[in-house]
Each structure stands twice: as C-alpha cells, then as structure tokens.
Amino acid sequence: MSTGSLQTSPSTLERAVVVLRGMAYEHRLHILVLLQQGEQTPAALAEAIAADSTSVAHHLRFLKDARLIRRQRRGRNVFYALRGQSTTRLIGEVMQYAEESA
C-alpha cells in the first residue's frame, strides 16, 4: 500500500486526537509512564507525581475517558492500569522519541 494514497476515516482521526490530547499534559503522561510498571492506586500515583488527590482524580478520569487506562475496584480499593499492550507500546514509543530527539 502506498503511503501517498493512505485514507484515514474521520472517526479514526478524531480518536487519535483524543488519545494525543490525553497524553499532552505532563501529569497525565507521567501517570501513564508510572502505570507501565503495573497497577497503581490513586494515592500512590498522587504521591509519585507530587500532586494532590483531586488533581490526580481529574487526570485519571480524563485518561479513562480517552480509553488509555482501565479502572478496577477490589473491595474498598481502586486500581488503575494501562488498557493493554498497544497503550504500553504507545507510551514506550513516545518516551523513546522524546529521549532520542532531545
């Protein structure tokens, strides 16, 4: 397939914008990087990024709405994790690009 004739649907472009917007804030990207190590609670994430819990809750809601993370309740605890391997690869590629282009 030729890249010059590559067609992308408007819905795919819209979805890509939502994903990129989700990552386009330092705290959100930091949360995603931390979640590459595995599930985390909101309290652990707040401590790791030195932000208040209200701010972290807002970021987590945005990332969940962008379908970059998933939420799971176990008893009284809530855990967040990356949505899947494609999300893990995306975050890894973004961070690698940032390191190489510095």
PDB file of N, CA and C in Angstrom:
ATOM      1  N   MET A   1       0.835  -1.170   0.000  1.00  0.00           N
ATOM      2  CA  MET A   1       0.000   0.000   0.000  1.00  0.00           C
ATOM      3  C   MET A   1       0.886   1.242   0.000  1.00  0.00           C
ATOM      4  N   SER A   2       0.591   2.173  -0.831  1.00  0.00           N
ATOM      5  CA  SER A   2       1.344   3.415  -0.932  1.00  0.00           C
ATOM      6  C   SER A   2       0.918   4.378   0.169  1.00  0.00           C
ATOM      7  N   THR A   3       1.889   5.013   0.825  1.00  0.00           N
ATOM      8  CA  THR A   3       1.536   5.960   1.884  1.00  0.00           C
ATOM      9  C   THR A   3       0.918   7.222   1.324  1.00  0.00           C
ATOM     10  N   GLY A   4       1.149   7.521   0.072  1.00  0.00           N
ATOM     11  CA  GLY A   4       0.563   8.701  -0.545  1.00  0.00           C
ATOM     12  C   GLY A   4      -0.941   8.573  -0.717  1.00  0.00           C
ATOM     13  N   SER A   5      -1.454   7.348  -0.808  1.00  0.00           N
ATOM     14  CA  SER A   5      -2.882   7.157  -1.017  1.00  0.00           C
ATOM     15  C   SER A   5      -3.580   6.641   0.241  1.00  0.00           C
ATOM     16  N   LEU A   6      -2.900   6.679   1.368  1.00  0.00           N
ATOM     17  CA  LEU A   6      -3.459   6.185   2.620  1.00  0.00           C
ATOM     18  C   LEU A   6      -4.671   7.015   3.019  1.00  0.00           C
ATOM     19  N   GLN A   7      -5.795   6.352   3.193  1.00  0.00           N
ATOM     20  CA  GLN A   7      -7.034   7.014   3.593  1.00  0.00           C
ATOM     21  C   GLN A   7      -7.276   6.736   5.070  1.00  0.00           C
ATOM     22  N   THR A   8      -7.646   7.767   5.787  1.00  0.00           N
ATOM     23  CA  THR A   8      -7.971   7.627   7.189  1.00  0.00           C
ATOM     24  C   THR A   8      -9.352   8.193   7.410  1.00  0.00           C
ATOM     25  N   SER A   9     -10.170   7.438   8.111  1.00  0.00           N
ATOM     26  CA  SER A   9     -11.539   7.889   8.347  1.00  0.00           C
ATOM     27  C   SER A   9     -11.559   9.042   9.346  1.00  0.00           C
ATOM     28  N   PRO A  10     -12.549   9.902   9.229  1.00  0.00           N
ATOM     29  CA  PRO A  10     -12.683  10.996  10.203  1.00  0.00           C
ATOM     30  C   PRO A  10     -12.801  10.489  11.641  1.00  0.00           C
ATOM     31  N   SER A  11     -13.463   9.361  11.845  1.00  0.00           N
ATOM     32  CA  SER A  11     -13.613   8.841  13.211  1.00  0.00           C
ATOM     33  C   SER A  11     -12.273   8.364  13.768  1.00  0.00           C
ATOM     34  N   THR A  12     -11.418   7.806  12.924  1.00  0.00           N
ATOM     35  CA  THR A  12     -10.091   7.387  13.359  1.00  0.00           C
ATOM     36  C   THR A  12      -9.238   8.594  13.716  1.00  0.00           C
ATOM     37  N   LEU A  13      -9.312   9.636  12.907  1.00  0.00           N
ATOM     38  CA  LEU A  13      -8.569  10.864  13.208  1.00  0.00           C
ATOM     39  C   LEU A  13      -9.056  11.482  14.522  1.00  0.00           C
ATOM     40  N   GLU A  14     -10.354  11.489  14.721  1.00  0.00           N
ATOM     41  CA  GLU A  14     -10.925  12.043  15.946  1.00  0.00           C
ATOM     42  C   GLU A  14     -10.446  11.263  17.166  1.00  0.00           C
ATOM     43  N   ARG A  15     -10.441   9.954  17.050  1.00  0.00           N
ATOM     44  CA  ARG A  15      -9.987   9.091  18.153  1.00  0.00           C
ATOM     45  C   ARG A  15      -8.505   9.337  18.459  1.00  0.00           C
ATOM     46  N   ALA A  16      -7.688   9.498  17.400  1.00  0.00           N
ATOM     47  CA  ALA A  16      -6.263   9.777  17.585  1.00  0.00           C
ATOM     48  C   ALA A  16      -6.060  11.103  18.313  1.00  0.00           C
ATOM     49  N   VAL A  17      -6.860  12.095  17.987  1.00  0.00           N
ATOM     50  CA  VAL A  17      -6.760  13.390  18.660  1.00  0.00           C
ATOM     51  C   VAL A  17      -7.096  13.254  20.142  1.00  0.00           C
ATOM     52  N   VAL A  18      -8.119  12.479  20.470  1.00  0.00           N
ATOM     53  CA  VAL A  18      -8.500  12.265  21.872  1.00  0.00           C
ATOM     54  C   VAL A  18      -7.349  11.592  22.626  1.00  0.00           C
ATOM     55  N   VAL A  19      -6.737  10.598  22.019  1.00  0.00           N
ATOM     56  CA  VAL A  19      -5.621   9.889  22.652  1.00  0.00           C
ATOM     57  C   VAL A  19      -4.440  10.836  22.862  1.00  0.00           C
ATOM     58  N   LEU A  20      -4.085  11.590  21.831  1.00  0.00           N
ATOM     59  CA  LEU A  20      -2.953  12.504  21.953  1.00  0.00           C
ATOM     60  C   LEU A  20      -3.231  13.612  22.961  1.00  0.00           C
ATOM     61  N   ARG A  21      -4.458  14.096  22.999  1.00  0.00           N
ATOM     62  CA  ARG A  21      -4.838  15.101  23.985  1.00  0.00           C
ATOM     63  C   ARG A  21      -4.718  14.525  25.400  1.00  0.00           C
ATOM     64  N   GLY A  22      -5.048  13.267  25.537  1.00  0.00           N
ATOM     65  CA  GLY A  22      -4.936  12.614  26.836  1.00  0.00           C
ATOM     66  C   GLY A  22      -3.517  12.572  27.352  1.00  0.00           C
ATOM     67  N   MET A  23      -2.570  12.449  26.445  1.00  0.00           N
ATOM     68  CA  MET A  23      -1.165  12.352  26.836  1.00  0.00           C
ATOM     69  C   MET A  23      -0.471  13.707  26.854  1.00  0.00           C
ATOM     70  N   ALA A  24      -1.122  14.752  26.380  1.00  0.00           N
ATOM     71  CA  ALA A  24      -0.468  16.033  26.135  1.00  0.00           C
ATOM     72  C   ALA A  24      -0.362  16.928  27.359  1.00  0.00           C
ATOM     73  N   TYR A  25      -0.382  16.358  28.529  1.00  0.00           N
ATOM     74  CA  TYR A  25      -0.239  17.115  29.765  1.00  0.00           C
ATOM     75  C   TYR A  25       0.777  16.365  30.620  1.00  0.00           C
ATOM     76  N   GLU A  26       1.711  17.075  31.200  1.00  0.00           N
ATOM     77  CA  GLU A  26       2.827  16.428  31.893  1.00  0.00           C
ATOM     78  C   GLU A  26       2.386  15.429  32.962  1.00  0.00           C
ATOM     79  N   HIS A  27       1.421  15.797  33.803  1.00  0.00           N
ATOM     80  CA  HIS A  27       0.990  14.875  34.853  1.00  0.00           C
ATOM     81  C   HIS A  27       0.329  13.626  34.267  1.00  0.00           C
ATOM     82  N   ARG A  28      -0.454  13.799  33.218  1.00  0.00           N
ATOM     83  CA  ARG A  28      -1.105  12.630  32.610  1.00  0.00           C
ATOM     84  C   ARG A  28      -0.077  11.689  32.005  1.00  0.00           C
ATOM     85  N   LEU A  29       0.888  12.237  31.296  1.00  0.00           N
ATOM     86  CA  LEU A  29       1.930  11.395  30.707  1.00  0.00           C
ATOM     87  C   LEU A  29       2.739  10.716  31.803  1.00  0.00           C
ATOM     88  N   HIS A  30       3.016  11.433  32.877  1.00  0.00           N
ATOM     89  CA  HIS A  30       3.755  10.840  33.998  1.00  0.00           C
ATOM     90  C   HIS A  30       2.958   9.678  34.600  1.00  0.00           C
ATOM     91  N   ILE A  31       1.656   9.856  34.761  1.00  0.00           N
ATOM     92  CA  ILE A  31       0.800   8.774  35.260  1.00  0.00           C
ATOM     93  C   ILE A  31       0.891   7.563  34.338  1.00  0.00           C
ATOM     94  N   LEU A  32       0.825   7.793  33.027  1.00  0.00           N
ATOM     95  CA  LEU A  32       0.903   6.685  32.067  1.00  0.00           C
ATOM     96  C   LEU A  32       2.242   5.961  32.172  1.00  0.00           C
ATOM     97  N   VAL A  33       3.315   6.723  32.323  1.00  0.00           N
ATOM     98  CA  VAL A  33       4.648   6.109  32.469  1.00  0.00           C
ATOM     99  C   VAL A  33       4.693   5.258  33.737  1.00  0.00           C
ATOM    100  N   LEU A  34       4.152   5.784  34.827  1.00  0.00           N
ATOM    101  CA  LEU A  34       4.128   5.013  36.075  1.00  0.00           C
ATOM    102  C   LEU A  34       3.298   3.744  35.944  1.00  0.00           C
ATOM    103  N   LEU A  35       2.213   3.809  35.201  1.00  0.00           N
ATOM    104  CA  LEU A  35       1.351   2.635  35.035  1.00  0.00           C
ATOM    105  C   LEU A  35       1.988   1.563  34.155  1.00  0.00           C
ATOM    106  N   GLN A  36       3.062   1.905  33.452  1.00  0.00           N
ATOM    107  CA  GLN A  36       3.790   0.882  32.692  1.00  0.00           C
ATOM    108  C   GLN A  36       4.378  -0.163  33.643  1.00  0.00           C
ATOM    109  N   GLN A  37       4.607   0.218  34.891  1.00  0.00           N
ATOM    110  CA  GLN A  37       5.171  -0.696  35.886  1.00  0.00           C
ATOM    111  C   GLN A  37       4.112  -1.597  36.501  1.00  0.00           C
ATOM    112  N   GLY A  38       2.844  -1.330  36.222  1.00  0.00           N
ATOM    113  CA  GLY A  38       1.769  -2.148  36.764  1.00  0.00           C
ATOM    114  C   GLY A  38       0.705  -1.292  37.420  1.00  0.00           C
ATOM    115  N   GLU A  39      -0.287  -1.965  37.958  1.00  0.00           N
ATOM    116  CA  GLU A  39      -1.421  -1.291  38.588  1.00  0.00           C
ATOM    117  C   GLU A  39      -0.972  -0.372  39.720  1.00  0.00           C
ATOM    118  N   GLN A  40      -1.715   0.720  39.872  1.00  0.00           N
ATOM    119  CA  GLN A  40      -1.423   1.678  40.935  1.00  0.00           C
ATOM    120  C   GLN A  40      -2.736   2.211  41.496  1.00  0.00           C
ATOM    121  N   THR A  41      -2.714   2.594  42.750  1.00  0.00           N
ATOM    122  CA  THR A  41      -3.869   3.260  43.347  1.00  0.00           C
ATOM    123  C   THR A  41      -3.737   4.764  43.102  1.00  0.00           C
ATOM    124  N   PRO A  42      -4.837   5.481  43.166  1.00  0.00           N
ATOM    125  CA  PRO A  42      -4.751   6.941  43.027  1.00  0.00           C
ATOM    126  C   PRO A  42      -3.817   7.575  44.063  1.00  0.00           C
ATOM    127  N   ALA A  43      -3.835   7.069  45.287  1.00  0.00           N
ATOM    128  CA  ALA A  43      -2.961   7.620  46.336  1.00  0.00           C
ATOM    129  C   ALA A  43      -1.488   7.433  45.988  1.00  0.00           C
ATOM    130  N   ALA A  44      -1.132   6.262  45.485  1.00  0.00           N
ATOM    131  CA  ALA A  44       0.260   6.000  45.101  1.00  0.00           C
ATOM    132  C   ALA A  44       0.676   6.894  43.945  1.00  0.00           C
ATOM    133  N   LEU A  45      -0.221   7.090  42.990  1.00  0.00           N
ATOM    134  CA  LEU A  45       0.084   7.965  41.858  1.00  0.00           C
ATOM    135  C   LEU A  45       0.244   9.409  42.313  1.00  0.00           C
ATOM    136  N   ALA A  46      -0.630   9.862  43.207  1.00  0.00           N
ATOM    137  CA  ALA A  46      -0.543  11.238  43.713  1.00  0.00           C
ATOM    138  C   ALA A  46       0.793  11.471  44.412  1.00  0.00           C
ATOM    139  N   GLU A  47       1.214  10.491  45.187  1.00  0.00           N
ATOM    140  CA  GLU A  47       2.498  10.613  45.878  1.00  0.00           C
ATOM    141  C   GLU A  47       3.656  10.633  44.884  1.00  0.00           C
ATOM    142  N   ALA A  48       3.583   9.786  43.876  1.00  0.00           N
ATOM    143  CA  ALA A  48       4.679   9.668  42.910  1.00  0.00           C
ATOM    144  C   ALA A  48       4.839  10.918  42.047  1.00  0.00           C
ATOM    145  N   ILE A  49       3.742  11.579  41.724  1.00  0.00           N
ATOM    146  CA  ILE A  49       3.855  12.777  40.872  1.00  0.00           C
ATOM    147  C   ILE A  49       3.768  14.068  41.682  1.00  0.00           C
ATOM    148  N   ALA A  50       3.726  13.945  42.995  1.00  0.00           N
ATOM    149  CA  ALA A  50       3.667  15.104  43.901  1.00  0.00           C
ATOM    150  C   ALA A  50       2.512  16.033  43.542  1.00  0.00           C
ATOM    151  N   ALA A  51       1.315  15.448  43.464  1.00  0.00           N
ATOM    152  CA  ALA A  51       0.112  16.227  43.161  1.00  0.00           C
ATOM    153  C   ALA A  51      -0.967  15.865  44.171  1.00  0.00           C
ATOM    154  N   ASP A  52      -1.922  16.762  44.331  1.00  0.00           N
ATOM    155  CA  ASP A  52      -2.998  16.466  45.275  1.00  0.00           C
ATOM    156  C   ASP A  52      -3.967  15.456  44.668  1.00  0.00           C
ATOM    157  N   SER A  53      -4.697  14.768  45.530  1.00  0.00           N
ATOM    158  CA  SER A  53      -5.565  13.675  45.094  1.00  0.00           C
ATOM    159  C   SER A  53      -6.692  14.146  44.170  1.00  0.00           C
ATOM    160  N   THR A  54      -7.182  15.362  44.361  1.00  0.00           N
ATOM    161  CA  THR A  54      -8.238  15.887  43.487  1.00  0.00           C
ATOM    162  C   THR A  54      -7.725  16.049  42.068  1.00  0.00           C
ATOM    163  N   SER A  55      -6.522  16.569  41.934  1.00  0.00           N
ATOM    164  CA  SER A  55      -5.908  16.741  40.615  1.00  0.00           C
ATOM    165  C   SER A  55      -5.676  15.387  39.946  1.00  0.00           C
ATOM    166  N   VAL A  56      -5.166  14.432  40.700  1.00  0.00           N
ATOM    167  CA  VAL A  56      -4.919  13.092  40.151  1.00  0.00           C
ATOM    168  C   VAL A  56      -6.230  12.445  39.717  1.00  0.00           C
ATOM    169  N   ALA A  57      -7.281  12.599  40.515  1.00  0.00           N
ATOM    170  CA  ALA A  57      -8.594  12.040  40.154  1.00  0.00           C
ATOM    171  C   ALA A  57      -9.072  12.622  38.832  1.00  0.00           C
ATOM    172  N   HIS A  58      -8.876  13.920  38.631  1.00  0.00           N
ATOM    173  CA  HIS A  58      -9.264  14.566  37.370  1.00  0.00           C
ATOM    174  C   HIS A  58      -8.475  13.976  36.194  1.00  0.00           C
ATOM    175  N   HIS A  59      -7.168  13.832  36.375  1.00  0.00           N
ATOM    176  CA  HIS A  59      -6.326  13.274  35.310  1.00  0.00           C
ATOM    177  C   HIS A  59      -6.719  11.822  35.000  1.00  0.00           C
ATOM    178  N   LEU A  60      -6.968  11.047  36.036  1.00  0.00           N
ATOM    179  CA  LEU A  60      -7.367   9.652  35.832  1.00  0.00           C
ATOM    180  C   LEU A  60      -8.690   9.559  35.078  1.00  0.00           C
ATOM    181  N   ARG A  61      -9.621  10.424  35.413  1.00  0.00           N
ATOM    182  CA  ARG A  61     -10.910  10.432  34.710  1.00  0.00           C
ATOM    183  C   ARG A  61     -10.702  10.767  33.227  1.00  0.00           C
ATOM    184  N   PHE A  62      -9.848  11.751  32.947  1.00  0.00           N
ATOM    185  CA  PHE A  62      -9.562  12.133  31.563  1.00  0.00           C
ATOM    186  C   PHE A  62      -8.911  10.980  30.806  1.00  0.00           C
ATOM    187  N   LEU A  63      -7.929  10.322  31.438  1.00  0.00           N
ATOM    188  CA  LEU A  63      -7.243   9.191  30.793  1.00  0.00           C
ATOM    189  C   LEU A  63      -8.182   8.017  30.572  1.00  0.00           C
ATOM    190  N   LYS A  64      -9.088   7.797  31.502  1.00  0.00           N
ATOM    191  CA  LYS A  64     -10.077   6.723  31.344  1.00  0.00           C
ATOM    192  C   LYS A  64     -11.036   7.047  30.207  1.00  0.00           C
ATOM    193  N   ASP A  65     -11.496   8.293  30.134  1.00  0.00           N
ATOM    194  CA  ASP A  65     -12.383   8.714  29.051  1.00  0.00           C
ATOM    195  C   ASP A  65     -11.699   8.606  27.685  1.00  0.00           C
ATOM    196  N   ALA A  66     -10.382   8.807  27.661  1.00  0.00           N
ATOM    197  CA  ALA A  66      -9.611   8.672  26.421  1.00  0.00           C
ATOM    198  C   ALA A  66      -9.299   7.211  26.107  1.00  0.00           C
ATOM    199  N   ARG A  67      -9.735   6.313  26.977  1.00  0.00           N
ATOM    200  CA  ARG A  67      -9.532   4.874  26.858  1.00  0.00           C
ATOM    201  C   ARG A  67      -8.064   4.468  26.842  1.00  0.00           C
ATOM    202  N   LEU A  68      -7.266   5.197  27.599  1.00  0.00           N
ATOM    203  CA  LEU A  68      -5.852   4.855  27.742  1.00  0.00           C
ATOM    204  C   LEU A  68      -5.605   3.981  28.966  1.00  0.00           C
ATOM    205  N   ILE A  69      -6.500   4.067  29.951  1.00  0.00           N
ATOM    206  CA  ILE A  69      -6.352   3.281  31.175  1.00  0.00           C
ATOM    207  C   ILE A  69      -7.673   2.595  31.504  1.00  0.00           C
ATOM    208  N   ARG A  70      -7.580   1.626  32.404  1.00  0.00           N
ATOM    209  CA  ARG A  70      -8.787   0.954  32.902  1.00  0.00           C
ATOM    210  C   ARG A  70      -8.787   1.043  34.420  1.00  0.00           C
ATOM    211  N   ARG A  71      -9.972   0.963  34.971  1.00  0.00           N
ATOM    212  CA  ARG A  71     -10.160   1.074  36.416  1.00  0.00           C
ATOM    213  C   ARG A  71     -10.759  -0.225  36.919  1.00  0.00           C
ATOM    214  N   GLN A  72     -10.259  -0.705  38.056  1.00  0.00           N
ATOM    215  CA  GLN A  72     -10.807  -1.922  38.641  1.00  0.00           C
ATOM    216  C   GLN A  72     -10.928  -1.736  40.146  1.00  0.00           C
ATOM    217  N   ARG A  73     -12.113  -2.037  40.661  1.00  0.00           N
ATOM    218  CA  ARG A  73     -12.351  -1.952  42.100  1.00  0.00           C
ATOM    219  C   ARG A  73     -12.196  -3.345  42.690  1.00  0.00           C
ATOM    220  N   ARG A  74     -11.436  -3.406  43.780  1.00  0.00           N
ATOM    221  CA  ARG A  74     -11.286  -4.641  44.548  1.00  0.00           C
ATOM    222  C   ARG A  74     -11.561  -4.303  46.003  1.00  0.00           C
ATOM    223  N   GLY A  75     -12.750  -4.670  46.455  1.00  0.00           N
ATOM    224  CA  GLY A  75     -13.151  -4.313  47.812  1.00  0.00           C
ATOM    225  C   GLY A  75     -13.260  -2.806  47.924  1.00  0.00           C
ATOM    226  N   ARG A  76     -12.536  -2.240  48.873  1.00  0.00           N
ATOM    227  CA  ARG A  76     -12.561  -0.788  49.074  1.00  0.00           C
ATOM    228  C   ARG A  76     -11.507  -0.071  48.247  1.00  0.00           C
ATOM    229  N   ASN A  77     -10.648  -0.815  47.570  1.00  0.00           N
ATOM    230  CA  ASN A  77      -9.548  -0.218  46.812  1.00  0.00           C
ATOM    231  C   ASN A  77      -9.866  -0.132  45.327  1.00  0.00           C
ATOM    232  N   VAL A  78      -9.351   0.929  44.713  1.00  0.00           N
ATOM    233  CA  VAL A  78      -9.482   1.121  43.276  1.00  0.00           C
ATOM    234  C   VAL A  78      -8.074   1.110  42.690  1.00  0.00           C
ATOM    235  N   PHE A  79      -7.911   0.365  41.615  1.00  0.00           N
ATOM    236  CA  PHE A  79      -6.620   0.278  40.942  1.00  0.00           C
ATOM    237  C   PHE A  79      -6.770   0.714  39.498  1.00  0.00           C
ATOM    238  N   TYR A  80      -5.747   1.378  38.990  1.00  0.00           N
ATOM    239  CA  TYR A  80      -5.711   1.801  37.594  1.00  0.00           C
ATOM    240  C   TYR A  80      -4.553   1.104  36.909  1.00  0.00           C
ATOM    241  N   ALA A  81      -4.749   0.796  35.627  1.00  0.00           N
ATOM    242  CA  ALA A  81      -3.711   0.149  34.833  1.00  0.00           C
ATOM    243  C   ALA A  81      -3.845   0.623  33.392  1.00  0.00           C
ATOM    244  N   LEU A  82      -2.779   0.451  32.624  1.00  0.00           N
ATOM    245  CA  LEU A  82      -2.872   0.744  31.196  1.00  0.00           C
ATOM    246  C   LEU A  82      -3.876  -0.199  30.572  1.00  0.00           C
ATOM    247  N   ARG A  83      -4.517   0.242  29.533  1.00  0.00           N
ATOM    248  CA  ARG A  83      -5.610  -0.522  28.926  1.00  0.00           C
ATOM    249  C   ARG A  83      -5.140  -1.807  28.241  1.00  0.00           C
ATOM    250  N   GLY A  84      -3.958  -1.806  27.686  1.00  0.00           N
ATOM    251  CA  GLY A  84      -3.479  -3.013  27.015  1.00  0.00           C
ATOM    252  C   GLY A  84      -2.090  -2.814  26.452  1.00  0.00           C
ATOM    253  N   GLN A  85      -1.631  -3.821  25.715  1.00  0.00           N
ATOM    254  CA  GLN A  85      -0.282  -3.785  25.145  1.00  0.00           C
ATOM    255  C   GLN A  85      -0.095  -2.651  24.145  1.00  0.00           C
ATOM    256  N   SER A  86      -1.129  -2.311  23.388  1.00  0.00           N
ATOM    257  CA  SER A  86      -0.985  -1.220  22.422  1.00  0.00           C
ATOM    258  C   SER A  86      -0.738   0.100  23.142  1.00  0.00           C
ATOM    259  N   THR A  87      -1.381   0.293  24.282  1.00  0.00           N
ATOM    260  CA  THR A  87      -1.154   1.507  25.070  1.00  0.00           C
ATOM    261  C   THR A  87       0.259   1.499  25.642  1.00  0.00           C
ATOM    262  N   THR A  88       0.696   0.364  26.132  1.00  0.00           N
ATOM    263  CA  THR A  88       2.053   0.237  26.663  1.00  0.00           C
ATOM    264  C   THR A  88       3.077   0.569  25.585  1.00  0.00           C
ATOM    265  N   ARG A  89       2.880   0.031  24.385  1.00  0.00           N
ATOM    266  CA  ARG A  89       3.801   0.306  23.269  1.00  0.00           C
ATOM    267  C   ARG A  89       3.778   1.785  22.898  1.00  0.00           C
ATOM    268  N   LEU A  90       2.591   2.382  22.860  1.00  0.00           N
ATOM    269  CA  LEU A  90       2.460   3.792  22.503  1.00  0.00           C
ATOM    270  C   LEU A  90       3.243   4.671  23.478  1.00  0.00           C
ATOM    271  N   ILE A  91       3.079   4.438  24.756  1.00  0.00           N
ATOM    272  CA  ILE A  91       3.786   5.232  25.769  1.00  0.00           C
ATOM    273  C   ILE A  91       5.292   5.021  25.619  1.00  0.00           C
ATOM    274  N   GLY A  92       5.710   3.780  25.420  1.00  0.00           N
ATOM    275  CA  GLY A  92       7.125   3.485  25.230  1.00  0.00           C
ATOM    276  C   GLY A  92       7.704   4.203  24.019  1.00  0.00           C
ATOM    277  N   GLU A  93       6.971   4.206  22.918  1.00  0.00           N
ATOM    278  CA  GLU A  93       7.431   4.877  21.693  1.00  0.00           C
ATOM    279  C   GLU A  93       7.519   6.389  21.891  1.00  0.00           C
ATOM    280  N   VAL A  94       6.532   6.961  22.553  1.00  0.00           N
ATOM    281  CA  VAL A  94       6.543   8.409  22.810  1.00  0.00           C
ATOM    282  C   VAL A  94       7.753   8.782  23.652  1.00  0.00           C
ATOM    283  N   MET A  95       7.999   8.018  24.703  1.00  0.00           N
ATOM    284  CA  MET A  95       9.118   8.323  25.582  1.00  0.00           C
ATOM    285  C   MET A  95      10.469   8.101  24.871  1.00  0.00           C
ATOM    286  N   GLN A  96      10.557   7.063  24.060  1.00  0.00           N
ATOM    287  CA  GLN A  96      11.783   6.817  23.297  1.00  0.00           C
ATOM    288  C   GLN A  96      12.029   7.948  22.315  1.00  0.00           C
ATOM    289  N   TYR A  97      10.984   8.385  21.628  1.00  0.00           N
ATOM    290  CA  TYR A  97      11.110   9.502  20.697  1.00  0.00           C
ATOM    291  C   TYR A  97      11.605  10.756  21.422  1.00  0.00           C
ATOM    292  N   ALA A  98      11.026  11.025  22.602  1.00  0.00           N
ATOM    293  CA  ALA A  98      11.423  12.209  23.378  1.00  0.00           C
ATOM    294  C   ALA A  98      12.902  12.143  23.771  1.00  0.00           C
ATOM    295  N   GLU A  99      13.361  10.953  24.164  1.00  0.00           N
ATOM    296  CA  GLU A  99      14.770  10.796  24.547  1.00  0.00           C
ATOM    297  C   GLU A  99      15.697  10.967  23.354  1.00  0.00           C
ATOM    298  N   GLU A 100      15.308  10.398  22.215  1.00  0.00           N
ATOM    299  CA  GLU A 100      16.163  10.450  21.024  1.00  0.00           C
ATOM    300  C   GLU A 100      16.189  11.829  20.391  1.00  0.00           C
ATOM    301  N   SER A 101      15.124  12.594  20.539  1.00  0.00           N
ATOM    302  CA  SER A 101      15.074  13.898  19.880  1.00  0.00           C
ATOM    303  C   SER A 101      15.538  15.033  20.793  1.00  0.00           C
ATOM    304  N   ALA A 102      16.001  14.666  21.991  1.00  0.00           N
ATOM    305  CA  ALA A 102      16.449  15.710  22.948  1.00  0.00           C
ATOM    306  C   ALA A 102      17.759  16.315  22.525  1.00  0.00           C
TER     307      ALA A 102
END
